Amino acid sequence: MKNQKYNLSELIIFTPNIDHGGVEKNLFLLTNFLSKKFSKISLITFNSSDKKYFNKKVKFITPKIFYDIKNRLIKNLICSMILMKMVFFGKKKLIFSFNSNLYATILAKIFGAKIIIRINASHKLWAKNFIKKKIFKIFFKLPNKVIVNSVDLKKEIDKEFKIKSKCILNPLNKKKILKIKKNNKKLFGVNQKTFKILFLGRLVDQKDPFTFIKSIKKLPKELDFKALMIGSGYMKKNILKYIKENSLQKKINQIDFTPKAVQYLNQCDLFVLTSKFEGLPNVLLEAQFLKKYIIASDCPTGPREILLGGKAGDLIKMKNSKLLSQRIINYYFNRKKNDYNRKIQLGFKRLNRYDFKTNCEKYFNLIKELS
């Protein structure tokens, strides 16, 4: 089916910052899926090095800057200028904003373009005070459609900001996971019998990596285990310092983000998520698909929904390293028991709700409605 039938001259994906987390996985998957549906699709971002992740049909637009800019505000403003130029000189354009939604929405309203924005995390992360909440209550009434990625997040956003968002669950690309999961090397650097614990996420306060490290510190020395942290972020320096000061180098390794992180996930025995806020963390879906046991913080929002209220894994109180350590010990000694295996199998069976094609088509159909 050709996009001309939907009376849309161009679909513009707006995402000034690409941080290589769960949000970006959805960005790559959805953009490439939509590029097969529309003849003209553009993506505005500051991350020129990420062009390799997108289909060649996607027009990749980045600012011509000859020096490194790290300030997110400046990046947002520069990308917004590019967007302004595109919507000013074009007609029947639809903007799909993945981040920096405020900038994109203001420009869409000024120049008469339609816009869809996607919220991927609890408002407690980005609207922490009274003033911000008031601003967003006005702001969320402006887009043509607000999309959220989990049932619990929809309940939270709709109640807090008095809107009717649309929930489209994250599309899980099982074929891609199966394609890249195999690696014959011992990625944890230990033998097969050693218990392998994985933390996979950005090294930022939202992911609360220190609760993970402190829980590892509390584990008995006689346990035969190895912990690995995969991720990049502003907390990395302090994390490495803490690991060294507490003589944890032999028990915890840390490596930067890798596009092949699924290979490490495939080789671990236990996956741990310690986030303070989420939306619908993709990494939990990937862990379930690879039939890994999960211990996750009961944060807003996502883990409780994915783990079926604790029926498909362990949910623990946020920022509680002592309890996390106890749960790790329990699984270490009892992981062969049927109770744990039943939880793993239940999580795996319920993954159909995140079907790749079904959820991508929902995005496509929404864009058609607004065209």
Protein backbone atom coordinates (compact mmCIF):
# COMPACT_ATOMS: atom_id res chain seq x y z
CA MET A 1 0.00 0.00 0.00
CA LYS A 2 1.38 3.41 -0.99
CA ASN A 3 1.47 6.35 1.36
CA GLN A 4 -0.23 8.66 -1.15
CA LYS A 5 -3.54 7.05 -0.24
CA TYR A 6 -3.21 8.53 3.23
CA ASN A 7 -2.62 12.05 1.89
CA LEU A 8 0.68 12.40 3.77
CA SER A 9 3.61 14.04 1.99
CA GLU A 10 6.18 13.25 4.67
CA LEU A 11 6.54 11.58 8.06
CA ILE A 12 9.14 13.26 10.27
CA ILE A 13 10.63 11.37 13.22
CA PHE A 14 11.98 13.84 15.79
CA THR A 15 14.53 12.54 18.29
CA PRO A 16 17.39 14.99 19.03
CA ASN A 17 19.04 12.65 21.54
CA ILE A 18 19.73 8.93 21.07
CA ASP A 19 20.97 7.36 24.31
CA HIS A 20 21.02 3.65 23.35
CA GLY A 21 18.48 2.42 25.85
CA GLY A 22 15.08 0.78 25.55
CA VAL A 23 13.56 3.91 24.01
CA GLU A 24 16.11 3.79 21.21
CA LYS A 25 15.44 0.12 20.48
CA ASN A 26 11.83 1.06 19.81
CA LEU A 27 12.98 4.03 17.76
CA PHE A 28 15.09 1.83 15.49
CA LEU A 29 12.43 -0.86 15.14
CA LEU A 30 9.50 1.47 14.49
CA THR A 31 11.33 3.83 12.14
CA ASN A 32 12.56 0.95 10.00
CA PHE A 33 9.09 -0.64 10.01
CA LEU A 34 7.40 2.62 8.98
CA SER A 35 10.01 3.24 6.27
CA LYS A 36 8.52 0.26 4.44
CA LYS A 37 5.04 1.79 4.67
CA PHE A 38 5.72 5.38 3.61
CA SER A 39 7.66 6.54 0.58
CA LYS A 40 9.03 9.62 2.33
CA ILE A 41 10.23 9.42 5.91
CA SER A 42 12.84 11.64 7.59
CA LEU A 43 14.58 11.44 10.96
CA ILE A 44 16.00 14.48 12.75
CA THR A 45 18.68 13.77 15.36
CA PHE A 46 22.00 15.06 16.66
CA ASN A 47 23.54 11.56 16.67
CA SER A 48 25.10 11.26 13.22
CA SER A 49 26.96 8.07 14.14
CA ASP A 50 23.68 6.17 14.56
CA LYS A 51 22.76 6.28 10.89
CA LYS A 52 23.91 2.67 10.56
CA TYR A 53 20.95 1.47 12.65
CA PHE A 54 18.35 2.76 10.18
CA ASN A 55 16.99 1.58 6.86
CA LYS A 56 18.52 3.33 3.83
CA LYS A 57 15.04 4.56 2.90
CA VAL A 58 15.08 6.84 5.95
CA LYS A 59 16.35 10.33 5.20
CA PHE A 60 18.80 10.89 8.03
CA ILE A 61 19.06 14.58 8.95
CA THR A 62 21.73 15.82 11.36
CA PRO A 63 23.08 19.34 11.98
CA LYS A 64 26.41 20.22 10.36
CA ILE A 65 28.40 20.86 13.53
CA PHE A 66 32.18 20.53 13.49
CA TYR A 67 32.70 20.20 17.23
CA ASP A 68 31.24 17.98 19.93
CA ILE A 69 28.20 19.33 21.78
CA LYS A 70 27.08 17.48 24.90
CA ASN A 71 24.53 19.92 26.28
CA ARG A 72 21.07 18.46 25.65
CA LEU A 73 19.37 21.86 25.62
CA ILE A 74 21.61 23.09 22.80
CA LYS A 75 21.04 19.86 20.87
CA ASN A 76 17.28 20.24 21.27
CA LEU A 77 17.34 23.83 20.06
CA ILE A 78 19.48 23.08 17.00
CA CYS A 79 17.34 20.10 15.98
CA SER A 80 14.22 22.21 16.57
CA MET A 81 15.54 24.77 14.07
CA ILE A 82 15.87 22.01 11.48
CA LEU A 83 12.34 20.85 12.23
CA MET A 84 11.01 24.41 11.99
CA LYS A 85 12.52 24.79 8.51
CA MET A 86 10.98 21.50 7.35
CA VAL A 87 7.44 22.20 8.58
CA PHE A 88 7.54 25.83 7.43
CA PHE A 89 8.22 24.96 3.79
CA GLY A 90 6.11 21.80 3.58
CA LYS A 91 2.47 20.81 3.66
CA LYS A 92 0.68 17.74 5.03
CA LYS A 93 3.61 16.73 7.20
CA LEU A 94 3.18 14.68 10.34
CA ILE A 95 5.70 14.76 13.20
CA PHE A 96 6.32 11.72 15.36
CA SER A 97 8.30 12.84 18.42
CA PHE A 98 10.26 10.33 20.50
CA ASN A 99 11.90 12.84 22.84
CA SER A 100 12.09 16.61 23.41
CA ASN A 101 8.32 16.53 22.87
CA LEU A 102 7.76 20.06 24.12
CA TYR A 103 9.87 21.64 21.36
CA ALA A 104 8.30 19.55 18.61
CA THR A 105 4.74 20.20 19.81
CA ILE A 106 5.18 23.98 19.98
CA LEU A 107 6.55 24.06 16.43
CA ALA A 108 3.78 21.78 15.16
CA LYS A 109 1.11 24.07 16.59
CA ILE A 110 2.76 27.25 15.27
CA PHE A 111 3.11 25.94 11.73
CA GLY A 112 -0.05 23.85 11.54
CA ALA A 113 1.53 20.39 11.38
CA LYS A 114 0.01 17.35 13.03
CA ILE A 115 2.01 15.67 15.76
CA ILE A 116 2.14 12.41 17.71
CA ILE A 117 4.25 12.32 20.87
CA ARG A 118 5.43 9.21 22.68
CA ILE A 119 5.87 9.08 26.47
CA ASN A 120 8.16 6.28 27.59
CA ALA A 121 8.55 6.75 31.35
CA SER A 122 6.62 7.64 34.49
CA HIS A 123 5.93 11.36 34.98
CA LYS A 124 7.73 11.09 38.33
CA LEU A 125 10.93 11.13 36.31
CA TRP A 126 10.30 14.24 34.17
CA ALA A 127 7.58 16.19 36.04
CA LYS A 128 8.86 16.13 39.59
CA ASN A 129 7.48 19.40 40.91
CA PHE A 130 4.20 21.32 40.98
CA ILE A 131 5.21 23.86 38.32
CA LYS A 132 6.28 21.21 35.80
CA LYS A 133 3.05 19.30 36.35
CA LYS A 134 1.03 22.44 35.63
CA ILE A 135 3.01 23.07 32.44
CA PHE A 136 2.54 19.53 31.19
CA LYS A 137 -1.19 19.58 31.98
CA ILE A 138 -1.49 22.35 29.39
CA PHE A 139 1.10 20.89 27.04
CA PHE A 140 -0.44 17.39 26.77
CA LYS A 141 -3.67 18.83 25.39
CA LEU A 142 -1.87 20.16 22.29
CA PRO A 143 -0.63 17.05 20.38
CA ASN A 144 -3.01 15.22 18.06
CA LYS A 145 -2.24 12.02 19.93
CA VAL A 146 -0.23 11.03 23.00
CA ILE A 147 1.12 7.45 22.99
CA VAL A 148 2.31 5.54 26.05
CA ASN A 149 3.89 2.09 26.07
CA SER A 150 2.30 0.35 29.07
CA VAL A 151 -1.13 -0.09 30.64
CA ASP A 152 0.04 1.18 34.02
CA LEU A 153 1.69 4.22 32.45
CA LYS A 154 -1.55 5.06 30.63
CA LYS A 155 -3.47 4.96 33.92
CA GLU A 156 -0.90 7.22 35.56
CA ILE A 157 -0.65 9.76 32.73
CA ASP A 158 -4.40 9.96 32.07
CA LYS A 159 -5.18 10.48 35.74
CA GLU A 160 -2.41 12.98 36.45
CA PHE A 161 -2.81 15.13 33.30
CA LYS A 162 -6.52 14.66 32.53
CA ILE A 163 -6.02 13.34 29.00
CA LYS A 164 -6.86 10.19 27.02
CA SER A 165 -3.59 8.71 25.85
CA LYS A 166 -3.33 5.66 23.61
CA CYS A 167 -1.44 2.61 24.85
CA ILE A 168 0.64 0.70 22.31
CA LEU A 169 2.89 -1.91 23.88
CA ASN A 170 6.53 -2.21 22.86
CA PRO A 171 7.08 -4.44 19.80
CA LEU A 172 9.39 -7.32 20.68
CA ASN A 173 11.52 -8.40 17.74
CA LYS A 174 12.08 -12.07 18.54
CA LYS A 175 13.77 -12.81 15.21
CA LYS A 176 16.46 -10.20 15.86
CA ILE A 177 17.11 -11.55 19.36
CA LEU A 178 17.51 -15.08 18.01
CA LYS A 179 19.80 -13.81 15.27
CA ILE A 180 22.32 -12.10 17.57
CA LYS A 181 22.02 -14.04 20.84
CA LYS A 182 24.61 -16.74 20.11
CA ASN A 183 28.23 -16.29 21.07
CA ASN A 184 30.46 -19.25 21.85
CA LYS A 185 32.87 -17.17 23.91
CA LYS A 186 32.55 -17.10 27.70
CA LEU A 187 31.48 -13.47 27.90
CA PHE A 188 31.50 -13.34 31.71
CA GLY A 189 35.05 -14.67 31.79
CA VAL A 190 34.16 -17.54 34.14
CA ASN A 191 33.38 -21.24 33.82
CA GLN A 192 29.94 -22.63 33.09
CA LYS A 193 29.15 -23.50 36.72
CA THR A 194 29.78 -20.01 38.09
CA PHE A 195 26.51 -18.17 38.82
CA LYS A 196 26.28 -15.16 36.51
CA ILE A 197 24.32 -12.02 37.47
CA LEU A 198 23.63 -9.26 34.97
CA PHE A 199 22.75 -5.57 35.25
CA LEU A 200 22.01 -4.01 31.87
CA GLY A 201 21.08 -0.33 31.67
CA ARG A 202 22.32 3.24 31.48
CA LEU A 203 24.50 4.29 34.40
CA VAL A 204 22.20 7.08 35.54
CA ASP A 205 20.21 7.76 38.69
CA GLN A 206 16.96 6.52 37.12
CA LYS A 207 18.44 3.00 36.84
CA ASP A 208 19.85 3.14 40.41
CA PRO A 209 23.01 1.09 39.72
CA PHE A 210 24.35 1.61 43.26
CA THR A 211 21.54 -0.47 44.76
CA PHE A 212 22.71 -3.31 42.52
CA ILE A 213 26.36 -2.89 43.55
CA LYS A 214 25.51 -2.68 47.25
CA SER A 215 23.44 -5.86 47.01
CA ILE A 216 26.40 -7.66 45.43
CA LYS A 217 28.63 -6.39 48.23
CA LYS A 218 26.27 -8.01 50.77
CA LEU A 219 26.46 -11.48 49.18
CA PRO A 220 28.38 -14.14 51.16
CA LYS A 221 31.97 -14.56 50.00
CA GLU A 222 31.58 -18.32 49.67
CA LEU A 223 29.07 -17.96 46.83
CA ASP A 224 30.56 -18.82 43.44
CA PHE A 225 29.23 -15.95 41.31
CA LYS A 226 30.23 -13.20 38.92
CA ALA A 227 28.33 -9.95 38.39
CA LEU A 228 28.49 -7.87 35.23
CA MET A 229 27.26 -4.34 34.62
CA ILE A 230 26.70 -3.24 31.03
CA GLY A 231 26.00 0.41 30.35
CA SER A 232 27.31 3.91 29.87
CA GLY A 233 26.43 7.14 31.64
CA TYR A 234 27.52 9.99 33.89
CA MET A 235 27.71 7.74 36.98
CA LYS A 236 30.35 5.44 35.52
CA LYS A 237 33.33 7.15 37.17
CA ASN A 238 31.77 7.01 40.65
CA ILE A 239 30.69 3.41 40.11
CA LEU A 240 34.20 2.26 39.21
CA LYS A 241 35.57 4.20 42.18
CA TYR A 242 33.09 2.52 44.55
CA ILE A 243 33.89 -0.94 43.18
CA LYS A 244 37.62 -0.35 43.71
CA GLU A 245 37.26 1.20 47.20
CA ASN A 246 35.18 -1.79 48.33
CA SER A 247 37.50 -4.38 46.75
CA LEU A 248 34.77 -5.75 44.49
CA GLN A 249 36.87 -5.95 41.31
CA LYS A 250 36.92 -9.76 41.40
CA LYS A 251 33.15 -9.96 41.78
CA ILE A 252 31.88 -7.12 39.55
CA ASN A 253 32.97 -6.24 36.03
CA GLN A 254 31.73 -3.18 34.15
CA ILE A 255 31.71 -2.66 30.39
CA ASP A 256 30.21 0.06 28.19
CA PHE A 257 27.04 -0.33 26.18
CA THR A 258 27.28 -2.81 23.30
CA PRO A 259 24.72 -3.43 20.52
CA LYS A 260 25.22 -7.14 21.21
CA ALA A 261 24.22 -6.96 24.88
CA VAL A 262 21.65 -9.70 24.21
CA GLN A 263 24.56 -12.15 23.97
CA TYR A 264 25.48 -11.39 27.58
CA LEU A 265 21.83 -11.65 28.58
CA ASN A 266 21.69 -15.07 26.93
CA GLN A 267 24.61 -16.31 29.04
CA CYS A 268 23.52 -14.98 32.44
CA ASP A 269 21.70 -16.99 35.12
CA LEU A 270 19.89 -14.06 36.72
CA PHE A 271 18.86 -10.64 35.46
CA VAL A 272 18.41 -7.75 37.90
CA LEU A 273 16.69 -4.41 37.31
CA THR A 274 16.91 -1.76 40.04
CA SER A 275 15.23 1.23 38.37
CA LYS A 276 13.45 4.01 40.24
CA PHE A 277 11.25 4.81 37.23
CA GLU A 278 10.47 3.09 33.95
CA GLY A 279 7.89 2.97 31.19
CA LEU A 280 7.97 -0.55 29.85
CA PRO A 281 11.60 -1.78 30.00
CA ASN A 282 12.48 -3.74 26.85
CA VAL A 283 15.27 -5.55 28.61
CA LEU A 284 12.75 -7.40 30.81
CA LEU A 285 10.93 -8.60 27.70
CA GLU A 286 14.22 -9.81 26.21
CA ALA A 287 15.11 -11.58 29.45
CA GLN A 288 11.73 -13.31 29.50
CA PHE A 289 12.10 -14.39 25.89
CA LEU A 290 15.51 -15.91 26.70
CA LYS A 291 13.91 -17.60 29.74
CA LYS A 292 15.99 -15.86 32.38
CA TYR A 293 14.83 -15.38 35.95
CA ILE A 294 14.20 -11.73 36.81
CA ILE A 295 14.38 -9.74 40.03
CA ALA A 296 13.12 -6.20 39.48
CA SER A 297 12.29 -3.15 41.56
CA ASP A 298 8.56 -2.53 41.87
CA CYS A 299 8.93 0.93 40.36
CA PRO A 300 6.48 3.01 38.37
CA THR A 301 5.86 1.74 35.70
CA GLY A 302 6.44 -1.48 33.75
CA PRO A 303 8.08 -4.20 35.88
CA ARG A 304 4.87 -5.08 37.77
CA GLU A 305 2.98 -5.25 34.47
CA ILE A 306 5.61 -7.40 32.73
CA LEU A 307 6.17 -9.71 35.71
CA LEU A 308 2.41 -10.14 36.20
CA GLY A 309 2.41 -8.75 39.71
CA GLY A 310 5.21 -11.09 40.79
CA LYS A 311 3.84 -14.28 39.20
CA ALA A 312 6.55 -14.22 36.52
CA GLY A 313 9.51 -13.06 38.61
CA ASP A 314 10.45 -11.29 41.83
CA LEU A 315 9.32 -7.72 42.59
CA ILE A 316 11.13 -5.93 45.39
CA LYS A 317 10.91 -2.54 47.05
CA MET A 318 12.97 0.17 45.33
CA LYS A 319 16.40 1.15 46.70
CA ASN A 320 16.47 -1.86 49.03
CA SER A 321 19.88 -3.49 48.52
CA LYS A 322 19.47 -5.75 51.56
CA LEU A 323 16.25 -7.30 50.24
CA LEU A 324 17.72 -7.61 46.76
CA SER A 325 20.72 -9.44 48.19
CA GLN A 326 18.42 -11.85 50.03
CA ARG A 327 16.42 -12.56 46.86
CA ILE A 328 19.62 -13.23 44.92
CA ILE A 329 20.75 -15.68 47.63
CA ASN A 330 17.35 -17.41 47.60
CA TYR A 331 17.50 -17.93 43.86
CA TYR A 332 21.14 -19.01 43.97
CA PHE A 333 20.36 -21.91 46.31
CA ASN A 334 16.87 -22.79 45.07
CA ARG A 335 16.95 -22.04 41.34
CA LYS A 336 16.31 -25.67 40.36
CA LYS A 337 12.99 -25.76 42.20
CA ASN A 338 9.76 -25.84 40.19
CA ASP A 339 8.41 -22.57 41.64
CA TYR A 340 11.11 -20.58 39.89
CA ASN A 341 10.81 -22.51 36.65
CA ARG A 342 7.03 -21.95 36.61
CA LYS A 343 7.55 -18.20 36.88
CA ILE A 344 10.03 -18.25 33.99
CA GLN A 345 7.68 -20.30 31.79
CA LEU A 346 4.68 -18.08 32.60
CA GLY A 347 6.57 -14.93 31.62
CA PHE A 348 7.63 -16.55 28.36
CA LYS A 349 4.08 -17.67 27.51
CA ARG A 350 2.62 -14.20 28.07
CA LEU A 351 4.97 -12.44 25.63
CA ASN A 352 2.44 -12.63 22.78
CA ARG A 353 0.94 -9.30 23.88
CA TYR A 354 4.21 -7.69 22.74
CA ASP A 355 4.02 -9.20 19.25
CA PHE A 356 6.24 -7.22 16.90
CA LYS A 357 4.01 -6.97 13.84
CA THR A 358 0.78 -6.38 15.79
CA ASN A 359 2.15 -3.44 17.78
CA CYS A 360 4.03 -1.88 14.86
CA GLU A 361 0.82 -2.02 12.81
CA LYS A 362 -0.96 -0.11 15.58
CA TYR A 363 1.48 2.77 15.11
CA PHE A 364 0.99 2.61 11.36
CA ASN A 365 -2.81 2.64 11.66
CA LEU A 366 -2.69 5.63 14.01
CA ILE A 367 -0.59 7.58 11.52
CA LYS A 368 -3.07 6.69 8.76
CA GLU A 369 -5.93 8.04 10.90
CA LEU A 370 -4.18 11.39 11.28
CA SER A 371 -3.16 11.64 7.63
